[in-house]
Amino acid sequence: MQRLTAIWKKTSLAMIIKQPDRIKLQPGKWALLALVVGSLSACAGDMSDLDRFIIETKQKHHGKVDPLPEFAEYVEFVYSATDMRDPFKASRSQDLIAKKEYTGPRPEEQREREALENFPIDSLKMVGLLQQRNQVWGLVRDPEGTIHRVQPGNYAGQNHGKIIVVNESIIDIQELVPDGEQGWIPRDAQLAMAEDE
């Protein structure tokens, strides 16, 4: 590009036209000069078709912006239920039920807790039966591997489970679980004889 600029400065168009005999260019330089002059004259050519295209395009495409939509005026909401019952608190009828004296089954709070009450009922396994004269004991293994002797009246499990029946294959237990209000619901559970391991 610098070389082209230098050649153009040395051989201006005016010099070529006025004094063609004073300029001595090699044939390659003449070709380069002809190319530059031709490309410059092409830029200065007729651009009426381009001007016409721009005018037609502007006439066809008129920009249109839709008007802003009208929004309804903001109306402030007033909460008027402040004097009503809180839905997250117990109703008065539930309060009255809760205040009544509960008379259903309940755990014996004064008794001493037994060893099998430290484990969930589903972690205990019946592993055998022991009988001596009129006495029958069930043999129960806890998760730690210790075997305990139980009979009706003993307790097992973490929900105040009282052993009701002991026989050759099953130990019947009745648990007391909270009902969510202030009472207790009896729930039956069983320990079946464990299969040989």
Protein backbone atom coordinates (compact mmCIF):
# COMPACT_ATOMS: atom_id res chain seq x y z
CA MET A 1 0.00 0.00 0.00
CA GLN A 2 2.88 2.36 0.82
CA ARG A 3 4.50 1.57 -2.51
CA LEU A 4 1.25 2.33 -4.33
CA THR A 5 0.95 5.68 -2.51
CA ALA A 6 4.53 6.56 -3.41
CA ILE A 7 3.93 5.78 -7.10
CA TRP A 8 0.73 7.86 -7.07
CA LYS A 9 2.57 10.84 -5.58
CA LYS A 10 5.32 10.65 -8.19
CA THR A 11 2.94 10.30 -11.10
CA SER A 12 -0.17 12.35 -10.54
CA LEU A 13 -2.95 12.31 -13.09
CA ALA A 14 -2.25 15.92 -13.99
CA MET A 15 1.36 15.13 -14.91
CA ILE A 16 0.30 12.24 -17.08
CA ILE A 17 -2.22 14.33 -18.97
CA LYS A 18 -0.10 17.51 -19.35
CA GLN A 19 3.32 16.05 -19.91
CA PRO A 20 3.04 12.46 -21.05
CA ASP A 21 6.52 12.51 -22.65
CA ARG A 22 8.31 13.41 -19.36
CA ILE A 23 7.00 10.39 -17.47
CA LYS A 24 8.84 7.17 -18.08
CA LEU A 25 7.19 4.20 -16.38
CA GLN A 26 7.97 0.57 -16.76
CA PRO A 27 5.19 -1.56 -18.28
CA GLY A 28 4.28 -3.14 -14.89
CA LYS A 29 3.86 0.28 -13.32
CA TRP A 30 1.58 1.38 -16.20
CA ALA A 31 -0.66 -1.59 -15.54
CA LEU A 32 -0.77 -0.76 -11.84
CA LEU A 33 -1.55 2.87 -12.59
CA ALA A 34 -4.33 1.88 -14.98
CA LEU A 35 -5.83 -0.38 -12.34
CA VAL A 36 -5.81 2.36 -9.69
CA VAL A 37 -7.30 4.97 -12.02
CA GLY A 38 -9.97 2.50 -13.20
CA SER A 39 -11.02 1.56 -9.68
CA LEU A 40 -11.23 5.21 -8.63
CA SER A 41 -13.36 6.08 -11.62
CA ALA A 42 -15.70 3.15 -10.82
CA CYS A 43 -16.33 4.62 -7.35
CA ALA A 44 -17.31 7.94 -8.85
CA GLY A 45 -19.75 6.33 -11.32
CA ASP A 46 -23.50 6.64 -11.59
CA MET A 47 -25.18 5.80 -8.26
CA SER A 48 -28.71 6.73 -9.22
CA ASP A 49 -29.94 3.14 -8.95
CA LEU A 50 -28.71 2.98 -5.36
CA ASP A 51 -30.34 6.31 -4.53
CA ARG A 52 -33.60 5.12 -6.11
CA PHE A 53 -33.50 1.86 -4.07
CA ILE A 54 -33.02 3.81 -0.82
CA ILE A 55 -35.94 6.13 -1.60
CA GLU A 56 -38.25 3.20 -2.52
CA THR A 57 -37.30 1.30 0.63
CA LYS A 58 -38.02 4.30 2.83
CA GLN A 59 -41.41 4.76 1.17
CA LYS A 60 -42.40 1.09 1.57
CA HIS A 61 -41.40 0.64 5.19
CA HIS A 62 -42.87 3.23 7.43
CA GLY A 63 -42.12 2.38 11.05
CA LYS A 64 -45.13 2.22 13.31
CA VAL A 65 -45.02 1.99 17.09
CA ASP A 66 -48.19 0.80 18.79
CA PRO A 67 -49.43 3.08 21.52
CA LEU A 68 -48.88 1.98 25.11
CA PRO A 69 -51.72 -0.13 26.49
CA GLU A 70 -53.95 1.43 29.08
CA PHE A 71 -53.54 -0.09 32.52
CA ALA A 72 -56.30 -0.23 35.08
CA GLU A 73 -55.71 2.07 37.99
CA TYR A 74 -54.20 0.32 41.01
CA VAL A 75 -56.71 -0.31 43.76
CA GLU A 76 -55.26 -0.94 47.19
CA PHE A 77 -56.45 -4.18 48.86
CA VAL A 78 -57.64 -3.86 52.42
CA TYR A 79 -57.55 -7.06 54.49
CA SER A 80 -60.76 -7.11 56.46
CA ALA A 81 -60.62 -10.56 58.12
CA THR A 82 -58.52 -9.52 61.09
CA ASP A 83 -61.39 -10.15 63.48
CA MET A 84 -61.84 -13.76 62.27
CA ARG A 85 -60.25 -16.89 63.76
CA ASP A 86 -56.60 -17.55 62.90
CA PRO A 87 -56.61 -20.62 60.61
CA PHE A 88 -53.33 -21.82 62.11
CA LYS A 89 -54.66 -22.06 65.66
CA ALA A 90 -57.03 -24.68 67.05
CA SER A 91 -60.72 -23.83 66.84
CA ARG A 92 -62.75 -23.24 69.97
CA SER A 93 -64.45 -26.64 69.65
CA GLN A 94 -61.04 -28.32 69.52
CA ASP A 95 -59.95 -26.30 72.55
CA LEU A 96 -63.02 -27.50 74.45
CA ILE A 97 -62.33 -31.12 73.50
CA ALA A 98 -58.72 -30.73 74.63
CA LYS A 99 -59.78 -29.21 77.95
CA LYS A 100 -62.05 -32.14 78.77
CA GLU A 101 -60.46 -34.71 81.04
CA TYR A 102 -59.01 -37.59 79.03
CA THR A 103 -60.30 -40.95 80.28
CA GLY A 104 -58.91 -43.39 77.68
CA PRO A 105 -55.88 -45.70 77.95
CA ARG A 106 -52.61 -44.14 78.99
CA PRO A 107 -49.08 -45.40 79.74
CA GLU A 108 -48.09 -46.21 83.30
CA GLU A 109 -45.77 -43.32 84.08
CA GLN A 110 -44.71 -44.57 87.55
CA ARG A 111 -43.35 -47.98 86.50
CA GLU A 112 -39.66 -48.67 85.93
CA ARG A 113 -38.67 -48.99 82.26
CA GLU A 114 -37.45 -52.39 81.06
CA ALA A 115 -34.41 -53.20 78.90
CA LEU A 116 -36.35 -54.01 75.70
CA GLU A 117 -38.02 -50.57 75.78
CA ASN A 118 -34.78 -49.02 74.53
CA PHE A 119 -35.23 -50.56 71.06
CA PRO A 120 -37.83 -50.11 68.31
CA ILE A 121 -40.25 -53.05 68.12
CA ASP A 122 -39.24 -53.89 64.53
CA SER A 123 -35.60 -54.39 65.59
CA LEU A 124 -36.50 -57.16 68.08
CA LYS A 125 -36.62 -60.86 67.07
CA MET A 126 -38.28 -63.80 68.78
CA VAL A 127 -35.71 -66.60 68.78
CA GLY A 128 -37.25 -69.27 70.97
CA LEU A 129 -39.55 -70.40 73.76
CA LEU A 130 -38.65 -71.59 77.23
CA GLN A 131 -41.10 -73.62 79.30
CA GLN A 132 -40.72 -74.84 82.88
CA ARG A 133 -43.70 -76.43 84.61
CA ASN A 134 -46.54 -73.90 84.20
CA GLN A 135 -44.26 -70.97 83.26
CA VAL A 136 -43.71 -70.02 79.58
CA TRP A 137 -41.15 -67.42 78.49
CA GLY A 138 -40.46 -66.04 75.08
CA LEU A 139 -36.82 -65.51 74.13
CA VAL A 140 -36.23 -62.18 72.34
CA ARG A 141 -32.96 -60.99 70.82
CA ASP A 142 -32.25 -57.23 70.71
CA PRO A 143 -30.15 -55.51 67.97
CA GLU A 144 -27.04 -55.77 70.16
CA GLY A 145 -27.34 -59.58 70.24
CA THR A 146 -28.47 -59.95 73.88
CA ILE A 147 -31.27 -62.50 74.48
CA HIS A 148 -34.00 -61.52 76.95
CA ARG A 149 -36.64 -63.68 78.68
CA VAL A 150 -40.17 -62.18 78.44
CA GLN A 151 -43.66 -63.20 79.52
CA PRO A 152 -47.09 -61.52 79.56
CA GLY A 153 -46.93 -58.29 81.53
CA ASN A 154 -43.39 -57.35 80.43
CA TYR A 155 -42.76 -54.33 78.13
CA ALA A 156 -40.93 -54.06 74.81
CA GLY A 157 -40.47 -51.38 72.14
CA GLN A 158 -40.37 -47.61 72.40
CA ASN A 159 -44.16 -47.04 72.35
CA HIS A 160 -45.08 -48.45 75.77
CA GLY A 161 -45.61 -51.92 74.25
CA LYS A 162 -47.03 -54.39 76.78
CA ILE A 163 -46.62 -58.11 76.08
CA ILE A 164 -50.08 -59.75 76.09
CA VAL A 165 -49.55 -63.34 74.85
CA VAL A 166 -46.52 -65.60 74.43
CA ASN A 167 -46.88 -68.85 72.48
CA GLU A 168 -44.68 -71.17 70.36
CA SER A 169 -44.50 -68.92 67.27
CA ILE A 170 -45.66 -65.39 68.16
CA ILE A 171 -45.45 -62.80 70.91
CA ASP A 172 -48.45 -60.41 70.87
CA ILE A 173 -47.76 -56.84 72.01
CA GLN A 174 -50.13 -53.91 72.49
CA GLU A 175 -48.49 -50.49 72.09
CA LEU A 176 -49.88 -47.07 73.07
CA VAL A 177 -49.19 -44.31 70.54
CA PRO A 178 -50.13 -40.61 70.94
CA ASP A 179 -53.28 -39.58 69.03
CA GLY A 180 -52.01 -36.02 68.41
CA GLU A 181 -54.42 -34.31 70.80
CA GLN A 182 -53.82 -35.46 74.35
CA GLY A 183 -54.84 -39.06 74.28
CA TRP A 184 -53.43 -42.46 73.35
CA ILE A 185 -54.45 -45.07 70.79
CA PRO A 186 -53.79 -48.81 71.31
CA ARG A 187 -51.93 -50.46 68.42
CA ASP A 188 -51.28 -54.19 68.05
CA ALA A 189 -47.85 -55.52 67.12
CA GLN A 190 -46.29 -58.98 66.95
CA LEU A 191 -42.90 -60.59 67.17
CA ALA A 192 -42.84 -63.73 65.03
CA MET A 193 -40.38 -66.56 65.50
CA ALA A 194 -37.25 -65.70 63.52
CA GLU A 195 -36.29 -68.15 60.78
CA ASP A 196 -32.99 -70.01 61.20
CA GLU A 197 -30.11 -67.71 60.29
